[in-house]
Amino acid sequence: MIANNLKPYRFTHPGEVVKDELEDRGISQRAFACMLGVSYSMLNEILNAHRPITASMALMIEAALGLPADMLMNLQGSYNLNTARNNSDVINMLSKIRNAAAVL
C-alpha cells in the first residue's frame, strides 16, 4: 500500500486543536472567550467543529496561544475540502460536471 493513498477516517477541524490546547493549559472556554472578546457560544461552536475558524479568529488565537494562524487556516481549508469531497450532493454534482466536460 502506498502511504499517499491513505485517507483519514475523520478530518480534523482546527477548533479541535484549539480545544485540546486550552484543556492542556487549563484554560476554560469562558475565560478564553473573554480574553479574545468574543461570545462564549461562538467560541464553543468553533471548538466543537460547528463553525469555521476565520482568518481574524486564527490571528486572535495565535496572539493568545502562539498557535500559528496559517496552520489553523490550512487545517480549516483541508477540513472544508475533505468534508465537501465526502458530501453526496457534491459528489453527484461533480460527476455530472465531469460527464458534461467529457463531451466537450
PDB file of N, CA and C in Angstrom:
ATOM      1  N   MET A   1       0.840  -1.184   0.000  1.00  0.00           N
ATOM      2  CA  MET A   1       0.000   0.000   0.000  1.00  0.00           C
ATOM      3  C   MET A   1       0.883   1.245   0.000  1.00  0.00           C
ATOM      4  N   ILE A   2       0.528   2.207  -0.786  1.00  0.00           N
ATOM      5  CA  ILE A   2       1.273   3.458  -0.873  1.00  0.00           C
ATOM      6  C   ILE A   2       0.713   4.432   0.160  1.00  0.00           C
ATOM      7  N   ALA A   3       1.582   5.028   0.948  1.00  0.00           N
ATOM      8  CA  ALA A   3       1.151   5.916   2.028  1.00  0.00           C
ATOM      9  C   ALA A   3       0.332   7.098   1.522  1.00  0.00           C
ATOM     10  N   ASN A   4       0.630   7.578   0.327  1.00  0.00           N
ATOM     11  CA  ASN A   4      -0.090   8.742  -0.203  1.00  0.00           C
ATOM     12  C   ASN A   4      -1.543   8.437  -0.535  1.00  0.00           C
ATOM     13  N   ASN A   5      -1.905   7.167  -0.616  1.00  0.00           N
ATOM     14  CA  ASN A   5      -3.282   6.800  -0.930  1.00  0.00           C
ATOM     15  C   ASN A   5      -4.138   6.624   0.313  1.00  0.00           C
ATOM     16  N   LEU A   6      -3.544   6.781   1.480  1.00  0.00           N
ATOM     17  CA  LEU A   6      -4.305   6.630   2.714  1.00  0.00           C
ATOM     18  C   LEU A   6      -5.222   7.823   2.911  1.00  0.00           C
ATOM     19  N   LYS A   7      -6.422   7.550   3.359  1.00  0.00           N
ATOM     20  CA  LYS A   7      -7.376   8.618   3.635  1.00  0.00           C
ATOM     21  C   LYS A   7      -7.711   8.585   5.117  1.00  0.00           C
ATOM     22  N   PRO A   8      -7.751   9.743   5.759  1.00  0.00           N
ATOM     23  CA  PRO A   8      -8.071   9.751   7.186  1.00  0.00           C
ATOM     24  C   PRO A   8      -9.508   9.293   7.430  1.00  0.00           C
ATOM     25  N   TYR A   9      -9.697   8.624   8.541  1.00  0.00           N
ATOM     26  CA  TYR A   9     -11.042   8.178   8.916  1.00  0.00           C
ATOM     27  C   TYR A   9     -11.920   9.374   9.238  1.00  0.00           C
ATOM     28  N   ARG A  10     -11.338  10.343   9.918  1.00  0.00           N
ATOM     29  CA  ARG A  10     -12.072  11.529  10.347  1.00  0.00           C
ATOM     30  C   ARG A  10     -11.176  12.730  10.113  1.00  0.00           C
ATOM     31  N   PHE A  11     -11.740  13.818   9.657  1.00  0.00           N
ATOM     32  CA  PHE A  11     -10.973  15.012   9.356  1.00  0.00           C
ATOM     33  C   PHE A  11     -10.891  15.893  10.593  1.00  0.00           C
ATOM     34  N   THR A  12      -9.763  16.538  10.768  1.00  0.00           N
ATOM     35  CA  THR A  12      -9.543  17.364  11.950  1.00  0.00           C
ATOM     36  C   THR A  12      -9.933  18.805  11.688  1.00  0.00           C
ATOM     37  N   HIS A  13     -10.889  19.285  12.453  1.00  0.00           N
ATOM     38  CA  HIS A  13     -11.287  20.691  12.420  1.00  0.00           C
ATOM     39  C   HIS A  13     -10.293  21.452  13.303  1.00  0.00           C
ATOM     40  N   PRO A  14      -9.864  22.649  12.895  1.00  0.00           N
ATOM     41  CA  PRO A  14      -8.883  23.371  13.703  1.00  0.00           C
ATOM     42  C   PRO A  14      -9.382  23.701  15.112  1.00  0.00           C
ATOM     43  N   GLY A  15     -10.690  23.791  15.273  1.00  0.00           N
ATOM     44  CA  GLY A  15     -11.238  24.052  16.601  1.00  0.00           C
ATOM     45  C   GLY A  15     -10.886  22.948  17.585  1.00  0.00           C
ATOM     46  N   GLU A  16     -10.772  21.713  17.083  1.00  0.00           N
ATOM     47  CA  GLU A  16     -10.398  20.602  17.945  1.00  0.00           C
ATOM     48  C   GLU A  16      -8.982  20.777  18.481  1.00  0.00           C
ATOM     49  N   VAL A  17      -8.091  21.298  17.650  1.00  0.00           N
ATOM     50  CA  VAL A  17      -6.706  21.546  18.059  1.00  0.00           C
ATOM     51  C   VAL A  17      -6.678  22.611  19.148  1.00  0.00           C
ATOM     52  N   VAL A  18      -7.447  23.676  18.939  1.00  0.00           N
ATOM     53  CA  VAL A  18      -7.511  24.761  19.918  1.00  0.00           C
ATOM     54  C   VAL A  18      -8.122  24.257  21.222  1.00  0.00           C
ATOM     55  N   LYS A  19      -9.179  23.468  21.115  1.00  0.00           N
ATOM     56  CA  LYS A  19      -9.836  22.911  22.304  1.00  0.00           C
ATOM     57  C   LYS A  19      -8.858  22.063  23.114  1.00  0.00           C
ATOM     58  N   ASP A  20      -8.091  21.211  22.439  1.00  0.00           N
ATOM     59  CA  ASP A  20      -7.090  20.393  23.127  1.00  0.00           C
ATOM     60  C   ASP A  20      -6.032  21.263  23.801  1.00  0.00           C
ATOM     61  N   GLU A  21      -5.630  22.319  23.123  1.00  0.00           N
ATOM     62  CA  GLU A  21      -4.615  23.226  23.670  1.00  0.00           C
ATOM     63  C   GLU A  21      -5.137  23.920  24.925  1.00  0.00           C
ATOM     64  N   LEU A  22      -6.382  24.369  24.887  1.00  0.00           N
ATOM     65  CA  LEU A  22      -6.975  25.013  26.064  1.00  0.00           C
ATOM     66  C   LEU A  22      -7.039  24.034  27.236  1.00  0.00           C
ATOM     67  N   GLU A  23      -7.457  22.808  26.956  1.00  0.00           N
ATOM     68  CA  GLU A  23      -7.550  21.793  28.013  1.00  0.00           C
ATOM     69  C   GLU A  23      -6.173  21.500  28.596  1.00  0.00           C
ATOM     70  N   ASP A  24      -5.153  21.374  27.729  1.00  0.00           N
ATOM     71  CA  ASP A  24      -3.796  21.102  28.206  1.00  0.00           C
ATOM     72  C   ASP A  24      -3.251  22.231  29.075  1.00  0.00           C
ATOM     73  N   ARG A  25      -3.648  23.453  28.766  1.00  0.00           N
ATOM     74  CA  ARG A  25      -3.168  24.611  29.531  1.00  0.00           C
ATOM     75  C   ARG A  25      -4.065  24.950  30.720  1.00  0.00           C
ATOM     76  N   GLY A  26      -5.187  24.249  30.838  1.00  0.00           N
ATOM     77  CA  GLY A  26      -6.097  24.508  31.952  1.00  0.00           C
ATOM     78  C   GLY A  26      -6.854  25.818  31.826  1.00  0.00           C
ATOM     79  N   ILE A  27      -7.110  26.240  30.598  1.00  0.00           N
ATOM     80  CA  ILE A  27      -7.838  27.491  30.346  1.00  0.00           C
ATOM     81  C   ILE A  27      -9.280  27.129  30.004  1.00  0.00           C
ATOM     82  N   SER A  28     -10.231  27.722  30.693  1.00  0.00           N
ATOM     83  CA  SER A  28     -11.641  27.440  30.413  1.00  0.00           C
ATOM     84  C   SER A  28     -12.066  28.136  29.120  1.00  0.00           C
ATOM     85  N   GLN A  29     -13.065  27.578  28.489  1.00  0.00           N
ATOM     86  CA  GLN A  29     -13.594  28.186  27.270  1.00  0.00           C
ATOM     87  C   GLN A  29     -14.151  29.576  27.560  1.00  0.00           C
ATOM     88  N   ARG A  30     -14.819  29.726  28.698  1.00  0.00           N
ATOM     89  CA  ARG A  30     -15.389  31.040  29.042  1.00  0.00           C
ATOM     90  C   ARG A  30     -14.294  32.086  29.249  1.00  0.00           C
ATOM     91  N   ALA A  31     -13.224  31.690  29.946  1.00  0.00           N
ATOM     92  CA  ALA A  31     -12.116  32.624  30.175  1.00  0.00           C
ATOM     93  C   ALA A  31     -11.443  32.985  28.856  1.00  0.00           C
ATOM     94  N   PHE A  32     -11.291  32.004  27.974  1.00  0.00           N
ATOM     95  CA  PHE A  32     -10.648  32.263  26.685  1.00  0.00           C
ATOM     96  C   PHE A  32     -11.514  33.161  25.809  1.00  0.00           C
ATOM     97  N   ALA A  33     -12.816  32.909  25.808  1.00  0.00           N
ATOM     98  CA  ALA A  33     -13.733  33.760  25.041  1.00  0.00           C
ATOM     99  C   ALA A  33     -13.648  35.204  25.532  1.00  0.00           C
ATOM    100  N   CYS A  34     -13.603  35.355  26.830  1.00  0.00           N
ATOM    101  CA  CYS A  34     -13.488  36.699  27.419  1.00  0.00           C
ATOM    102  C   CYS A  34     -12.167  37.352  27.006  1.00  0.00           C
ATOM    103  N   MET A  35     -11.083  36.579  27.047  1.00  0.00           N
ATOM    104  CA  MET A  35      -9.766  37.086  26.661  1.00  0.00           C
ATOM    105  C   MET A  35      -9.771  37.583  25.218  1.00  0.00           C
ATOM    106  N   LEU A  36     -10.450  36.832  24.349  1.00  0.00           N
ATOM    107  CA  LEU A  36     -10.499  37.200  22.933  1.00  0.00           C
ATOM    108  C   LEU A  36     -11.531  38.277  22.630  1.00  0.00           C
ATOM    109  N   GLY A  37     -12.466  38.492  23.545  1.00  0.00           N
ATOM    110  CA  GLY A  37     -13.516  39.468  23.314  1.00  0.00           C
ATOM    111  C   GLY A  37     -14.612  38.955  22.400  1.00  0.00           C
ATOM    112  N   VAL A  38     -14.854  37.634  22.458  1.00  0.00           N
ATOM    113  CA  VAL A  38     -15.916  37.023  21.655  1.00  0.00           C
ATOM    114  C   VAL A  38     -16.896  36.333  22.591  1.00  0.00           C
ATOM    115  N   SER A  39     -18.064  36.004  22.071  1.00  0.00           N
ATOM    116  CA  SER A  39     -19.052  35.331  22.911  1.00  0.00           C
ATOM    117  C   SER A  39     -18.635  33.894  23.168  1.00  0.00           C
ATOM    118  N   TYR A  40     -19.033  33.395  24.323  1.00  0.00           N
ATOM    119  CA  TYR A  40     -18.754  32.001  24.672  1.00  0.00           C
ATOM    120  C   TYR A  40     -19.378  31.060  23.649  1.00  0.00           C
ATOM    121  N   SER A  41     -20.617  31.353  23.232  1.00  0.00           N
ATOM    122  CA  SER A  41     -21.300  30.448  22.304  1.00  0.00           C
ATOM    123  C   SER A  41     -20.578  30.371  20.961  1.00  0.00           C
ATOM    124  N   MET A  42     -20.058  31.497  20.473  1.00  0.00           N
ATOM    125  CA  MET A  42     -19.336  31.480  19.214  1.00  0.00           C
ATOM    126  C   MET A  42     -18.063  30.647  19.348  1.00  0.00           C
ATOM    127  N   LEU A  43     -17.308  30.859  20.418  1.00  0.00           N
ATOM    128  CA  LEU A  43     -16.089  30.101  20.622  1.00  0.00           C
ATOM    129  C   LEU A  43     -16.396  28.618  20.772  1.00  0.00           C
ATOM    130  N   ASN A  44     -17.432  28.288  21.525  1.00  0.00           N
ATOM    131  CA  ASN A  44     -17.812  26.899  21.740  1.00  0.00           C
ATOM    132  C   ASN A  44     -18.170  26.215  20.422  1.00  0.00           C
ATOM    133  N   GLU A  45     -18.860  26.931  19.537  1.00  0.00           N
ATOM    134  CA  GLU A  45     -19.208  26.372  18.229  1.00  0.00           C
ATOM    135  C   GLU A  45     -17.962  26.088  17.402  1.00  0.00           C
ATOM    136  N   ILE A  46     -16.971  26.949  17.487  1.00  0.00           N
ATOM    137  CA  ILE A  46     -15.706  26.732  16.778  1.00  0.00           C
ATOM    138  C   ILE A  46     -14.996  25.512  17.357  1.00  0.00           C
ATOM    139  N   LEU A  47     -14.890  25.459  18.677  1.00  0.00           N
ATOM    140  CA  LEU A  47     -14.162  24.375  19.330  1.00  0.00           C
ATOM    141  C   LEU A  47     -14.820  23.020  19.124  1.00  0.00           C
ATOM    142  N   ASN A  48     -16.126  23.008  18.873  1.00  0.00           N
ATOM    143  CA  ASN A  48     -16.851  21.759  18.648  1.00  0.00           C
ATOM    144  C   ASN A  48     -17.136  21.498  17.164  1.00  0.00           C
ATOM    145  N   ALA A  49     -16.399  22.198  16.301  1.00  0.00           N
ATOM    146  CA  ALA A  49     -16.441  21.992  14.848  1.00  0.00           C
ATOM    147  C   ALA A  49     -17.796  22.287  14.225  1.00  0.00           C
ATOM    148  N   HIS A  50     -18.540  23.222  14.819  1.00  0.00           N
ATOM    149  CA  HIS A  50     -19.832  23.616  14.251  1.00  0.00           C
ATOM    150  C   HIS A  50     -19.746  24.949  13.515  1.00  0.00           C
ATOM    151  N   ARG A  51     -18.585  25.588  13.583  1.00  0.00           N
ATOM    152  CA  ARG A  51     -18.370  26.875  12.934  1.00  0.00           C
ATOM    153  C   ARG A  51     -16.914  26.926  12.484  1.00  0.00           C
ATOM    154  N   PRO A  52     -16.651  27.481  11.306  1.00  0.00           N
ATOM    155  CA  PRO A  52     -15.261  27.540  10.840  1.00  0.00           C
ATOM    156  C   PRO A  52     -14.457  28.618  11.563  1.00  0.00           C
ATOM    157  N   ILE A  53     -13.154  28.431  11.565  1.00  0.00           N
ATOM    158  CA  ILE A  53     -12.254  29.475  12.073  1.00  0.00           C
ATOM    159  C   ILE A  53     -12.021  30.454  10.931  1.00  0.00           C
ATOM    160  N   THR A  54     -12.228  31.720  11.198  1.00  0.00           N
ATOM    161  CA  THR A  54     -11.964  32.764  10.208  1.00  0.00           C
ATOM    162  C   THR A  54     -10.514  33.216  10.343  1.00  0.00           C
ATOM    163  N   ALA A  55     -10.045  33.980   9.368  1.00  0.00           N
ATOM    164  CA  ALA A  55      -8.672  34.485   9.413  1.00  0.00           C
ATOM    165  C   ALA A  55      -8.461  35.376  10.639  1.00  0.00           C
ATOM    166  N   SER A  56      -9.426  36.226  10.947  1.00  0.00           N
ATOM    167  CA  SER A  56      -9.255  37.108  12.104  1.00  0.00           C
ATOM    168  C   SER A  56      -9.259  36.312  13.413  1.00  0.00           C
ATOM    169  N   MET A  57     -10.089  35.278  13.497  1.00  0.00           N
ATOM    170  CA  MET A  57     -10.099  34.441  14.693  1.00  0.00           C
ATOM    171  C   MET A  57      -8.783  33.683  14.820  1.00  0.00           C
ATOM    172  N   ALA A  58      -8.259  33.193  13.700  1.00  0.00           N
ATOM    173  CA  ALA A  58      -6.971  32.489  13.721  1.00  0.00           C
ATOM    174  C   ALA A  58      -5.866  33.409  14.231  1.00  0.00           C
ATOM    175  N   LEU A  59      -5.903  34.661  13.819  1.00  0.00           N
ATOM    176  CA  LEU A  59      -4.901  35.625  14.291  1.00  0.00           C
ATOM    177  C   LEU A  59      -5.050  35.917  15.782  1.00  0.00           C
ATOM    178  N   MET A  60      -6.288  35.981  16.259  1.00  0.00           N
ATOM    179  CA  MET A  60      -6.511  36.207  17.690  1.00  0.00           C
ATOM    180  C   MET A  60      -6.008  35.011  18.503  1.00  0.00           C
ATOM    181  N   ILE A  61      -6.257  33.814  18.009  1.00  0.00           N
ATOM    182  CA  ILE A  61      -5.793  32.604  18.702  1.00  0.00           C
ATOM    183  C   ILE A  61      -4.273  32.555  18.697  1.00  0.00           C
ATOM    184  N   GLU A  62      -3.673  32.938  17.576  1.00  0.00           N
ATOM    185  CA  GLU A  62      -2.216  32.993  17.501  1.00  0.00           C
ATOM    186  C   GLU A  62      -1.653  33.958  18.543  1.00  0.00           C
ATOM    187  N   ALA A  63      -2.277  35.121  18.676  1.00  0.00           N
ATOM    188  CA  ALA A  63      -1.812  36.108  19.648  1.00  0.00           C
ATOM    189  C   ALA A  63      -1.948  35.600  21.082  1.00  0.00           C
ATOM    190  N   ALA A  64      -3.019  34.861  21.344  1.00  0.00           N
ATOM    191  CA  ALA A  64      -3.282  34.402  22.703  1.00  0.00           C
ATOM    192  C   ALA A  64      -2.517  33.129  23.080  1.00  0.00           C
ATOM    193  N   LEU A  65      -2.421  32.185  22.145  1.00  0.00           N
ATOM    194  CA  LEU A  65      -1.856  30.868  22.465  1.00  0.00           C
ATOM    195  C   LEU A  65      -0.535  30.557  21.761  1.00  0.00           C
ATOM    196  N   GLY A  66      -0.212  31.349  20.742  1.00  0.00           N
ATOM    197  CA  GLY A  66       1.008  31.077  19.992  1.00  0.00           C
ATOM    198  C   GLY A  66       0.857  30.002  18.926  1.00  0.00           C
ATOM    199  N   LEU A  67      -0.371  29.522  18.704  1.00  0.00           N
ATOM    200  CA  LEU A  67      -0.605  28.564  17.615  1.00  0.00           C
ATOM    201  C   LEU A  67      -0.580  29.346  16.301  1.00  0.00           C
ATOM    202  N   PRO A  68       0.224  28.932  15.346  1.00  0.00           N
ATOM    203  CA  PRO A  68       0.340  29.688  14.095  1.00  0.00           C
ATOM    204  C   PRO A  68      -0.999  29.816  13.357  1.00  0.00           C
ATOM    205  N   ALA A  69      -1.352  31.040  13.019  1.00  0.00           N
ATOM    206  CA  ALA A  69      -2.614  31.306  12.324  1.00  0.00           C
ATOM    207  C   ALA A  69      -2.655  30.598  10.971  1.00  0.00           C
ATOM    208  N   ASP A  70      -1.517  30.562  10.277  1.00  0.00           N
ATOM    209  CA  ASP A  70      -1.525  29.908   8.963  1.00  0.00           C
ATOM    210  C   ASP A  70      -1.757  28.410   9.095  1.00  0.00           C
ATOM    211  N   MET A  71      -1.284  27.792  10.160  1.00  0.00           N
ATOM    212  CA  MET A  71      -1.547  26.373  10.385  1.00  0.00           C
ATOM    213  C   MET A  71      -3.039  26.145  10.625  1.00  0.00           C
ATOM    214  N   LEU A  72      -3.657  27.014  11.429  1.00  0.00           N
ATOM    215  CA  LEU A  72      -5.091  26.891  11.692  1.00  0.00           C
ATOM    216  C   LEU A  72      -5.902  27.078  10.414  1.00  0.00           C
ATOM    217  N   MET A  73      -5.503  28.036   9.588  1.00  0.00           N
ATOM    218  CA  MET A  73      -6.224  28.276   8.334  1.00  0.00           C
ATOM    219  C   MET A  73      -6.021  27.127   7.347  1.00  0.00           C
ATOM    220  N   ASN A  74      -4.811  26.551   7.321  1.00  0.00           N
ATOM    221  CA  ASN A  74      -4.574  25.386   6.459  1.00  0.00           C
ATOM    222  C   ASN A  74      -5.427  24.208   6.901  1.00  0.00           C
ATOM    223  N   LEU A  75      -5.526  23.990   8.215  1.00  0.00           N
ATOM    224  CA  LEU A  75      -6.386  22.925   8.730  1.00  0.00           C
ATOM    225  C   LEU A  75      -7.836  23.165   8.332  1.00  0.00           C
ATOM    226  N   GLN A  76      -8.283  24.425   8.420  1.00  0.00           N
ATOM    227  CA  GLN A  76      -9.666  24.746   8.070  1.00  0.00           C
ATOM    228  C   GLN A  76      -9.920  24.477   6.594  1.00  0.00           C
ATOM    229  N   GLY A  77      -8.976  24.885   5.739  1.00  0.00           N
ATOM    230  CA  GLY A  77      -9.134  24.645   4.309  1.00  0.00           C
ATOM    231  C   GLY A  77      -9.185  23.157   3.981  1.00  0.00           C
ATOM    232  N   SER A  78      -8.300  22.385   4.599  1.00  0.00           N
ATOM    233  CA  SER A  78      -8.296  20.933   4.384  1.00  0.00           C
ATOM    234  C   SER A  78      -9.582  20.299   4.888  1.00  0.00           C
ATOM    235  N   TYR A  79     -10.043  20.759   6.047  1.00  0.00           N
ATOM    236  CA  TYR A  79     -11.291  20.245   6.620  1.00  0.00           C
ATOM    237  C   TYR A  79     -12.458  20.522   5.659  1.00  0.00           C
ATOM    238  N   ASN A  80     -12.512  21.761   5.146  1.00  0.00           N
ATOM    239  CA  ASN A  80     -13.594  22.138   4.231  1.00  0.00           C
ATOM    240  C   ASN A  80     -13.570  21.291   2.958  1.00  0.00           C
ATOM    241  N   LEU A  81     -12.386  21.137   2.352  1.00  0.00           N
ATOM    242  CA  LEU A  81     -12.277  20.355   1.124  1.00  0.00           C
ATOM    243  C   LEU A  81     -12.636  18.891   1.349  1.00  0.00           C
ATOM    244  N   ASN A  82     -12.117  18.305   2.409  1.00  0.00           N
ATOM    245  CA  ASN A  82     -12.391  16.897   2.669  1.00  0.00           C
ATOM    246  C   ASN A  82     -13.845  16.652   3.032  1.00  0.00           C
ATOM    247  N   THR A  83     -14.457  17.586   3.727  1.00  0.00           N
ATOM    248  CA  THR A  83     -15.876  17.465   4.043  1.00  0.00           C
ATOM    249  C   THR A  83     -16.699  17.536   2.761  1.00  0.00           C
ATOM    250  N   ALA A  84     -16.341  18.463   1.873  1.00  0.00           N
ATOM    251  CA  ALA A  84     -17.059  18.588   0.602  1.00  0.00           C
ATOM    252  C   ALA A  84     -16.868  17.350  -0.262  1.00  0.00           C
ATOM    253  N   ARG A  85     -15.641  16.815  -0.273  1.00  0.00           N
ATOM    254  CA  ARG A  85     -15.361  15.625  -1.091  1.00  0.00           C
ATOM    255  C   ARG A  85     -16.152  14.405  -0.637  1.00  0.00           C
ATOM    256  N   ASN A  86     -16.611  14.414   0.589  1.00  0.00           N
ATOM    257  CA  ASN A  86     -17.365  13.284   1.122  1.00  0.00           C
ATOM    258  C   ASN A  86     -18.864  13.560   1.222  1.00  0.00           C
ATOM    259  N   ASN A  87     -19.304  14.688   0.686  1.00  0.00           N
ATOM    260  CA  ASN A  87     -20.710  15.058   0.687  1.00  0.00           C
ATOM    261  C   ASN A  87     -21.370  14.476  -0.564  1.00  0.00           C
ATOM    262  N   SER A  88     -22.413  13.685  -0.377  1.00  0.00           N
ATOM    263  CA  SER A  88     -23.042  13.000  -1.517  1.00  0.00           C
ATOM    264  C   SER A  88     -23.589  13.978  -2.552  1.00  0.00           C
ATOM    265  N   ASP A  89     -24.116  15.122  -2.127  1.00  0.00           N
ATOM    266  CA  ASP A  89     -24.622  16.109  -3.090  1.00  0.00           C
ATOM    267  C   ASP A  89     -23.484  16.655  -3.951  1.00  0.00           C
ATOM    268  N   VAL A  90     -22.358  16.922  -3.327  1.00  0.00           N
ATOM    269  CA  VAL A  90     -21.196  17.437  -4.066  1.00  0.00           C
ATOM    270  C   VAL A  90     -20.656  16.364  -5.002  1.00  0.00           C
ATOM    271  N   ILE A  91     -20.582  15.130  -4.519  1.00  0.00           N
ATOM    272  CA  ILE A  91     -20.100  14.020  -5.354  1.00  0.00           C
ATOM    273  C   ILE A  91     -20.967  13.881  -6.599  1.00  0.00           C
ATOM    274  N   ASN A  92     -22.277  13.935  -6.446  1.00  0.00           N
ATOM    275  CA  ASN A  92     -23.193  13.835  -7.596  1.00  0.00           C
ATOM    276  C   ASN A  92     -23.020  14.998  -8.560  1.00  0.00           C
ATOM    277  N   MET A  93     -22.892  16.210  -8.018  1.00  0.00           N
ATOM    278  CA  MET A  93     -22.708  17.389  -8.860  1.00  0.00           C
ATOM    279  C   MET A  93     -21.405  17.276  -9.653  1.00  0.00           C
ATOM    280  N   LEU A  94     -20.329  16.851  -8.996  1.00  0.00           N
ATOM    281  CA  LEU A  94     -19.037  16.722  -9.674  1.00  0.00           C
ATOM    282  C   LEU A  94     -19.089  15.662 -10.774  1.00  0.00           C
ATOM    283  N   SER A  95     -19.810  14.601 -10.520  1.00  0.00           N
ATOM    284  CA  SER A  95     -19.958  13.547 -11.525  1.00  0.00           C
ATOM    285  C   SER A  95     -20.650  14.086 -12.770  1.00  0.00           C
ATOM    286  N   LYS A  96     -21.701  14.870 -12.570  1.00  0.00           N
ATOM    287  CA  LYS A  96     -22.421  15.475 -13.698  1.00  0.00           C
ATOM    288  C   LYS A  96     -21.516  16.431 -14.468  1.00  0.00           C
ATOM    289  N   ILE A  97     -20.735  17.213 -13.743  1.00  0.00           N
ATOM    290  CA  ILE A  97     -19.829  18.182 -14.398  1.00  0.00           C
ATOM    291  C   ILE A  97     -18.774  17.436 -15.204  1.00  0.00           C
ATOM    292  N   ARG A  98     -18.198  16.382 -14.620  1.00  0.00           N
ATOM    293  CA  ARG A  98     -17.165  15.614 -15.334  1.00  0.00           C
ATOM    294  C   ARG A  98     -17.748  14.952 -16.578  1.00  0.00           C
ATOM    295  N   ASN A  99     -18.961  14.443 -16.488  1.00  0.00           N
ATOM    296  CA  ASN A  99     -19.611  13.833 -17.657  1.00  0.00           C
ATOM    297  C   ASN A  99     -19.862  14.864 -18.749  1.00  0.00           C
ATOM    298  N   ALA A 100     -20.316  16.040 -18.341  1.00  0.00           N
ATOM    299  CA  ALA A 100     -20.571  17.099 -19.318  1.00  0.00           C
ATOM    300  C   ALA A 100     -19.263  17.584 -19.940  1.00  0.00           C
ATOM    301  N   ALA A 101     -18.204  17.676 -19.150  1.00  0.00           N
ATOM    302  CA  ALA A 101     -16.919  18.135 -19.650  1.00  0.00           C
ATOM    303  C   ALA A 101     -16.285  17.119 -20.595  1.00  0.00           C
ATOM    304  N   ALA A 102     -16.617  15.839 -20.412  1.00  0.00           N
ATOM    305  CA  ALA A 102     -16.037  14.784 -21.254  1.00  0.00           C
ATOM    306  C   ALA A 102     -16.499  14.880 -22.704  1.00  0.00           C
ATOM    307  N   VAL A 103     -17.678  15.459 -22.931  1.00  0.00           N
ATOM    308  CA  VAL A 103     -18.211  15.566 -24.300  1.00  0.00           C
ATOM    309  C   VAL A 103     -17.771  16.847 -24.980  1.00  0.00           C
ATOM    310  N   LEU A 104     -17.086  17.700 -24.294  1.00  0.00           N
ATOM    311  CA  LEU A 104     -16.620  18.967 -24.916  1.00  0.00           C
ATOM    312  C   LEU A 104     -15.441  18.746 -25.803  1.00  0.00           C
TER     313      LEU A 104
END
